[in-house]
Amino acid sequence: MLIERSLHPQFVSNTYLVGDREGGTGFFVDAGGPVEPLVEAASRLSLTPTHVLLTHHHFDHVSELDALRERWPDLVVLAHPAEGIEGAEAFSDQRIGGLDVRALHTPGHTGGMLAFVVDGSEVFTGDTLFRGSVGGVRAPGSTGYADLRTSIMDVLMALPPETRVHPGHTDPTTIGDEWESNSFIRVWRGVDPEGSEACTVGGEPATLVVWGDDYDGGHKAWIRWPDGRDDIVPGSQVSRG
């Protein structure tokens, strides 16, 4: 399997080109750009891209979709119908070239978020799971904390620990590494205790349950509101002390 990655300099979002072999068939995962390095990679590897698989609808993952379609007009765009992506067909598990591709529905960050498992060894997780962090649940289309936790703990963490994770932003990791070291997952597992620090989020009182890393070098926070609701928010929204 061949995997090429392009990282957007502003959004730090990933677009991937996956191929079965040199001279074979390829597909893209997301289309946030820049796509030029992947167009070059397809040429260098003599790959023929046939599909674009979209994890979700947010701009930083679809902004260069038209550029890919212009280069390869016959590309089939696949996504979850709940994402409402114009021109996209509903994804169904299938073989693309020599690769088996299946989807895991992982709602939370958005309602139709998909993770794509390729040949049972690689998973493209979109904005659900990152290296050392997890997705937020305040973006447009989010279905909330409970869905995100279930998607991570019951769906993604059920994959073999050696499965390599290719997230929607920044660096790769593995399921096993996240099981052991991701601060959110460790608390969900019961290995580490919940925090109880008082904080404010957007001027409202809350309890800081986990102060974790985020993919952009900042922080992500699991907070609990006075009514008992849990939330995952950017660290920049949290005032401590």
Protein backbone atom coordinates (compact mmCIF):
# COMPACT_ATOMS: atom_id res chain seq x y z
CA MET A 1 0.00 0.00 0.00
CA LEU A 2 1.16 3.52 -0.82
CA ILE A 3 0.14 6.52 1.31
CA GLU A 4 1.05 10.11 0.46
CA ARG A 5 0.02 13.02 2.70
CA SER A 6 -0.39 16.74 2.09
CA LEU A 7 -0.72 19.13 5.06
CA HIS A 8 -2.52 22.46 4.74
CA PRO A 9 -0.25 25.20 6.14
CA GLN A 10 -3.10 27.15 7.76
CA PHE A 11 -5.64 24.50 8.76
CA VAL A 12 -2.99 21.81 9.46
CA SER A 13 -5.53 19.44 7.91
CA ASN A 14 -4.46 16.37 5.98
CA THR A 15 -5.38 15.20 2.52
CA TYR A 16 -4.25 11.69 1.65
CA LEU A 17 -3.57 9.81 -1.56
CA VAL A 18 -3.75 6.05 -1.10
CA GLY A 19 -2.67 3.59 -3.78
CA ASP A 20 -2.61 -0.17 -4.06
CA ARG A 21 0.75 -0.26 -5.90
CA GLU A 22 2.87 1.74 -8.30
CA GLY A 23 1.09 1.85 -11.62
CA GLY A 24 -2.17 0.88 -9.95
CA THR A 25 -5.35 2.45 -8.61
CA GLY A 26 -5.60 5.21 -6.04
CA PHE A 27 -8.09 7.21 -4.04
CA PHE A 28 -8.06 10.35 -1.94
CA VAL A 29 -9.16 10.67 1.67
CA ASP A 30 -10.54 14.19 2.19
CA ALA A 31 -9.76 17.15 -0.02
CA GLY A 32 -8.63 20.06 2.13
CA GLY A 33 -5.49 20.61 0.11
CA PRO A 34 -3.05 21.57 -0.95
CA VAL A 35 -3.65 19.02 -3.67
CA GLU A 36 -0.74 19.91 -5.97
CA PRO A 37 1.76 17.66 -4.14
CA LEU A 38 -0.69 14.77 -4.40
CA VAL A 39 -1.30 15.37 -8.09
CA GLU A 40 2.47 15.20 -8.53
CA ALA A 41 2.64 12.04 -6.40
CA ALA A 42 -0.06 10.37 -8.49
CA SER A 43 1.97 11.12 -11.60
CA ARG A 44 5.25 9.99 -10.05
CA LEU A 45 3.71 6.71 -8.87
CA SER A 46 1.66 6.24 -12.08
CA LEU A 47 -1.52 5.97 -10.01
CA THR A 48 -4.99 6.35 -11.47
CA PRO A 49 -7.26 7.91 -8.80
CA THR A 50 -10.86 6.75 -9.01
CA HIS A 51 -12.50 7.97 -5.78
CA VAL A 52 -12.51 10.68 -3.13
CA LEU A 53 -13.58 9.46 0.31
CA LEU A 54 -14.73 12.28 2.58
CA THR A 55 -14.70 11.86 6.35
CA HIS A 56 -17.03 14.85 6.89
CA HIS A 57 -18.23 18.13 5.42
CA HIS A 58 -16.16 20.82 7.17
CA PHE A 59 -14.44 23.33 4.90
CA ASP A 60 -10.89 22.37 5.88
CA HIS A 61 -11.56 18.85 4.57
CA VAL A 62 -13.42 19.59 1.34
CA SER A 63 -12.16 22.99 0.12
CA GLU A 64 -10.10 21.55 -2.76
CA LEU A 65 -12.64 18.98 -3.92
CA ASP A 66 -13.35 20.91 -7.11
CA ALA A 67 -9.63 21.03 -7.91
CA LEU A 68 -9.45 17.25 -7.76
CA ARG A 69 -12.56 16.92 -9.90
CA GLU A 70 -11.09 19.28 -12.48
CA ARG A 71 -7.95 17.14 -12.71
CA TRP A 72 -9.85 13.83 -12.74
CA PRO A 73 -13.43 14.51 -13.92
CA ASP A 74 -14.51 10.88 -13.42
CA LEU A 75 -13.67 10.79 -9.70
CA VAL A 76 -16.50 9.30 -7.64
CA VAL A 77 -17.04 11.24 -4.40
CA LEU A 78 -18.25 9.18 -1.45
CA ALA A 79 -19.40 10.29 2.01
CA HIS A 80 -22.10 9.71 4.61
CA PRO A 81 -25.44 11.15 3.40
CA ALA A 82 -25.88 13.03 6.68
CA GLU A 83 -22.97 15.30 5.73
CA GLY A 84 -24.97 16.84 2.88
CA ILE A 85 -22.02 17.15 0.49
CA GLU A 86 -23.20 18.17 -2.95
CA GLY A 87 -22.46 15.57 -5.60
CA ALA A 88 -21.38 12.91 -3.12
CA GLU A 89 -22.76 9.39 -3.21
CA ALA A 90 -23.32 7.26 -0.11
CA PHE A 91 -20.26 5.23 0.79
CA SER A 92 -20.55 1.46 0.95
CA ASP A 93 -17.78 -0.99 1.81
CA GLN A 94 -15.95 -1.95 -1.34
CA ARG A 95 -12.71 -2.88 -3.04
CA ILE A 96 -10.88 -0.01 -4.71
CA GLY A 97 -8.17 -1.37 -6.96
CA GLY A 98 -6.43 -3.98 -4.84
CA LEU A 99 -7.49 -2.53 -1.49
CA ASP A 100 -10.44 -3.41 0.72
CA VAL A 101 -12.03 -0.27 2.15
CA ARG A 102 -14.73 -0.25 4.82
CA ALA A 103 -16.27 2.61 6.76
CA LEU A 104 -16.89 2.99 10.47
CA HIS A 105 -19.61 5.47 11.43
CA THR A 106 -18.07 7.64 14.14
CA PRO A 107 -20.48 10.50 14.97
CA GLY A 108 -19.70 13.19 17.51
CA HIS A 109 -17.65 15.87 15.78
CA THR A 110 -20.30 15.65 13.03
CA GLY A 111 -23.31 13.40 12.63
CA GLY A 112 -22.06 11.64 9.52
CA MET A 113 -18.38 11.36 10.37
CA LEU A 114 -16.76 8.30 8.79
CA ALA A 115 -13.48 6.60 9.54
CA PHE A 116 -12.08 4.52 6.68
CA VAL A 117 -10.31 1.23 7.40
CA VAL A 118 -8.05 0.12 4.54
CA ASP A 119 -6.94 -3.51 4.27
CA GLY A 120 -7.51 -3.90 8.01
CA SER A 121 -4.22 -2.19 8.88
CA GLU A 122 -4.71 1.55 8.35
CA VAL A 123 -7.54 3.79 9.58
CA PHE A 124 -8.26 7.35 8.49
CA THR A 125 -10.08 8.92 11.44
CA GLY A 126 -11.04 12.40 10.22
CA ASP A 127 -11.65 14.70 13.18
CA THR A 128 -12.62 12.03 15.70
CA LEU A 129 -9.23 10.87 16.97
CA PHE A 130 -5.86 12.60 16.74
CA ARG A 131 -2.41 11.84 18.03
CA GLY A 132 -2.73 12.67 21.74
CA SER A 133 -6.13 14.30 21.39
CA VAL A 134 -9.77 13.91 20.36
CA GLY A 135 -12.25 15.87 18.29
CA GLY A 136 -14.30 18.74 19.64
CA VAL A 137 -18.07 18.69 19.75
CA ARG A 138 -18.92 22.32 19.14
CA ALA A 139 -18.37 22.53 15.39
CA PRO A 140 -21.29 22.75 12.95
CA GLY A 141 -23.15 19.46 12.73
CA SER A 142 -21.84 18.05 16.00
CA THR A 143 -23.90 15.41 17.78
CA GLY A 144 -22.21 15.81 21.14
CA TYR A 145 -19.91 14.37 23.75
CA ALA A 146 -21.64 11.02 24.29
CA ASP A 147 -21.43 10.16 20.59
CA LEU A 148 -17.77 11.16 20.39
CA ARG A 149 -16.82 9.04 23.40
CA THR A 150 -18.71 6.04 22.04
CA SER A 151 -17.12 6.45 18.60
CA ILE A 152 -13.65 6.45 20.12
CA MET A 153 -13.98 3.91 22.92
CA ASP A 154 -16.40 1.40 21.38
CA VAL A 155 -15.53 1.72 17.69
CA LEU A 156 -11.98 2.94 17.10
CA MET A 157 -10.41 1.43 20.21
CA ALA A 158 -11.89 -1.94 19.18
CA LEU A 159 -9.45 -2.01 16.24
CA PRO A 160 -6.22 -3.99 16.67
CA PRO A 161 -3.61 -1.99 18.63
CA GLU A 162 -1.13 -2.10 15.74
CA THR A 163 -3.60 -0.34 13.43
CA ARG A 164 -1.97 2.81 12.11
CA VAL A 165 -4.07 5.95 12.56
CA HIS A 166 -4.04 8.69 9.92
CA PRO A 167 -5.96 11.60 11.47
CA GLY A 168 -7.61 14.57 9.83
CA HIS A 169 -4.96 16.87 11.28
CA THR A 170 -1.19 16.55 11.75
CA ASP A 171 0.74 13.43 12.65
CA PRO A 172 -0.01 9.70 12.49
CA THR A 173 -0.20 7.40 15.49
CA THR A 174 -1.50 3.93 16.32
CA ILE A 175 -4.54 2.63 18.16
CA GLY A 176 -2.25 1.07 20.76
CA ASP A 177 -0.35 4.30 21.38
CA GLU A 178 -3.57 6.24 21.89
CA TRP A 179 -4.95 3.54 24.21
CA GLU A 180 -1.89 3.89 26.40
CA SER A 181 -1.06 7.61 26.27
CA ASN A 182 -4.04 9.70 25.13
CA SER A 183 -5.11 11.64 28.24
CA PHE A 184 -8.83 11.55 27.35
CA ILE A 185 -8.81 7.82 26.70
CA ARG A 186 -6.89 7.09 29.89
CA VAL A 187 -9.60 8.77 31.95
CA TRP A 188 -12.36 7.05 29.98
CA ARG A 189 -10.59 3.75 30.71
CA GLY A 190 -10.50 4.56 34.43
CA VAL A 191 -6.69 4.49 34.52
CA ASP A 192 -6.39 8.17 35.45
CA PRO A 193 -8.86 10.07 37.66
CA GLU A 194 -11.18 12.83 36.52
CA GLY A 195 -10.08 16.35 37.41
CA SER A 196 -12.13 18.65 39.63
CA GLU A 197 -10.59 22.07 38.96
CA ALA A 198 -13.06 24.96 38.76
CA CYS A 199 -12.83 26.95 35.54
CA THR A 200 -14.88 29.18 33.30
CA VAL A 201 -15.73 28.51 29.66
CA GLY A 202 -17.03 31.46 27.70
CA GLY A 203 -17.68 33.21 31.00
CA GLU A 204 -19.77 30.32 32.37
CA PRO A 205 -18.67 28.22 35.37
CA ALA A 206 -17.59 24.64 34.71
CA THR A 207 -15.38 21.84 36.02
CA LEU A 208 -12.21 20.93 34.17
CA VAL A 209 -12.20 17.12 33.88
CA VAL A 210 -9.24 16.75 31.49
CA TRP A 211 -6.75 19.33 30.27
CA GLY A 212 -5.20 17.60 27.28
CA ASP A 213 -3.05 18.33 24.27
CA ASP A 214 -4.46 19.28 20.89
CA TYR A 215 -3.14 18.60 17.41
CA ASP A 216 -2.14 22.23 16.78
CA GLY A 217 0.20 22.49 19.75
CA GLY A 218 -2.47 24.01 21.98
CA HIS A 219 -4.87 22.30 24.34
CA LYS A 220 -8.23 20.54 24.28
CA ALA A 221 -10.46 20.35 27.35
CA TRP A 222 -13.12 17.97 28.60
CA ILE A 223 -15.33 20.08 30.81
CA ARG A 224 -18.50 19.46 32.81
CA TRP A 225 -21.24 22.03 33.16
CA PRO A 226 -23.10 22.58 36.46
CA ASP A 227 -26.10 20.63 35.14
CA GLY A 228 -23.90 17.55 34.60
CA ARG A 229 -23.48 17.82 30.83
CA ASP A 230 -20.05 17.01 29.43
CA ASP A 231 -18.39 18.90 26.59
CA ILE A 232 -15.12 18.88 24.62
CA VAL A 233 -13.93 22.42 23.88
CA PRO A 234 -10.78 24.14 22.63
CA GLY A 235 -8.39 25.02 25.42
CA SER A 236 -8.47 28.63 24.25
CA GLN A 237 -12.04 28.89 25.52
CA VAL A 238 -11.11 27.82 29.05
CA SER A 239 -10.03 30.21 31.79
CA ARG A 240 -8.26 28.46 34.65
CA GLY A 241 -7.58 29.72 38.13
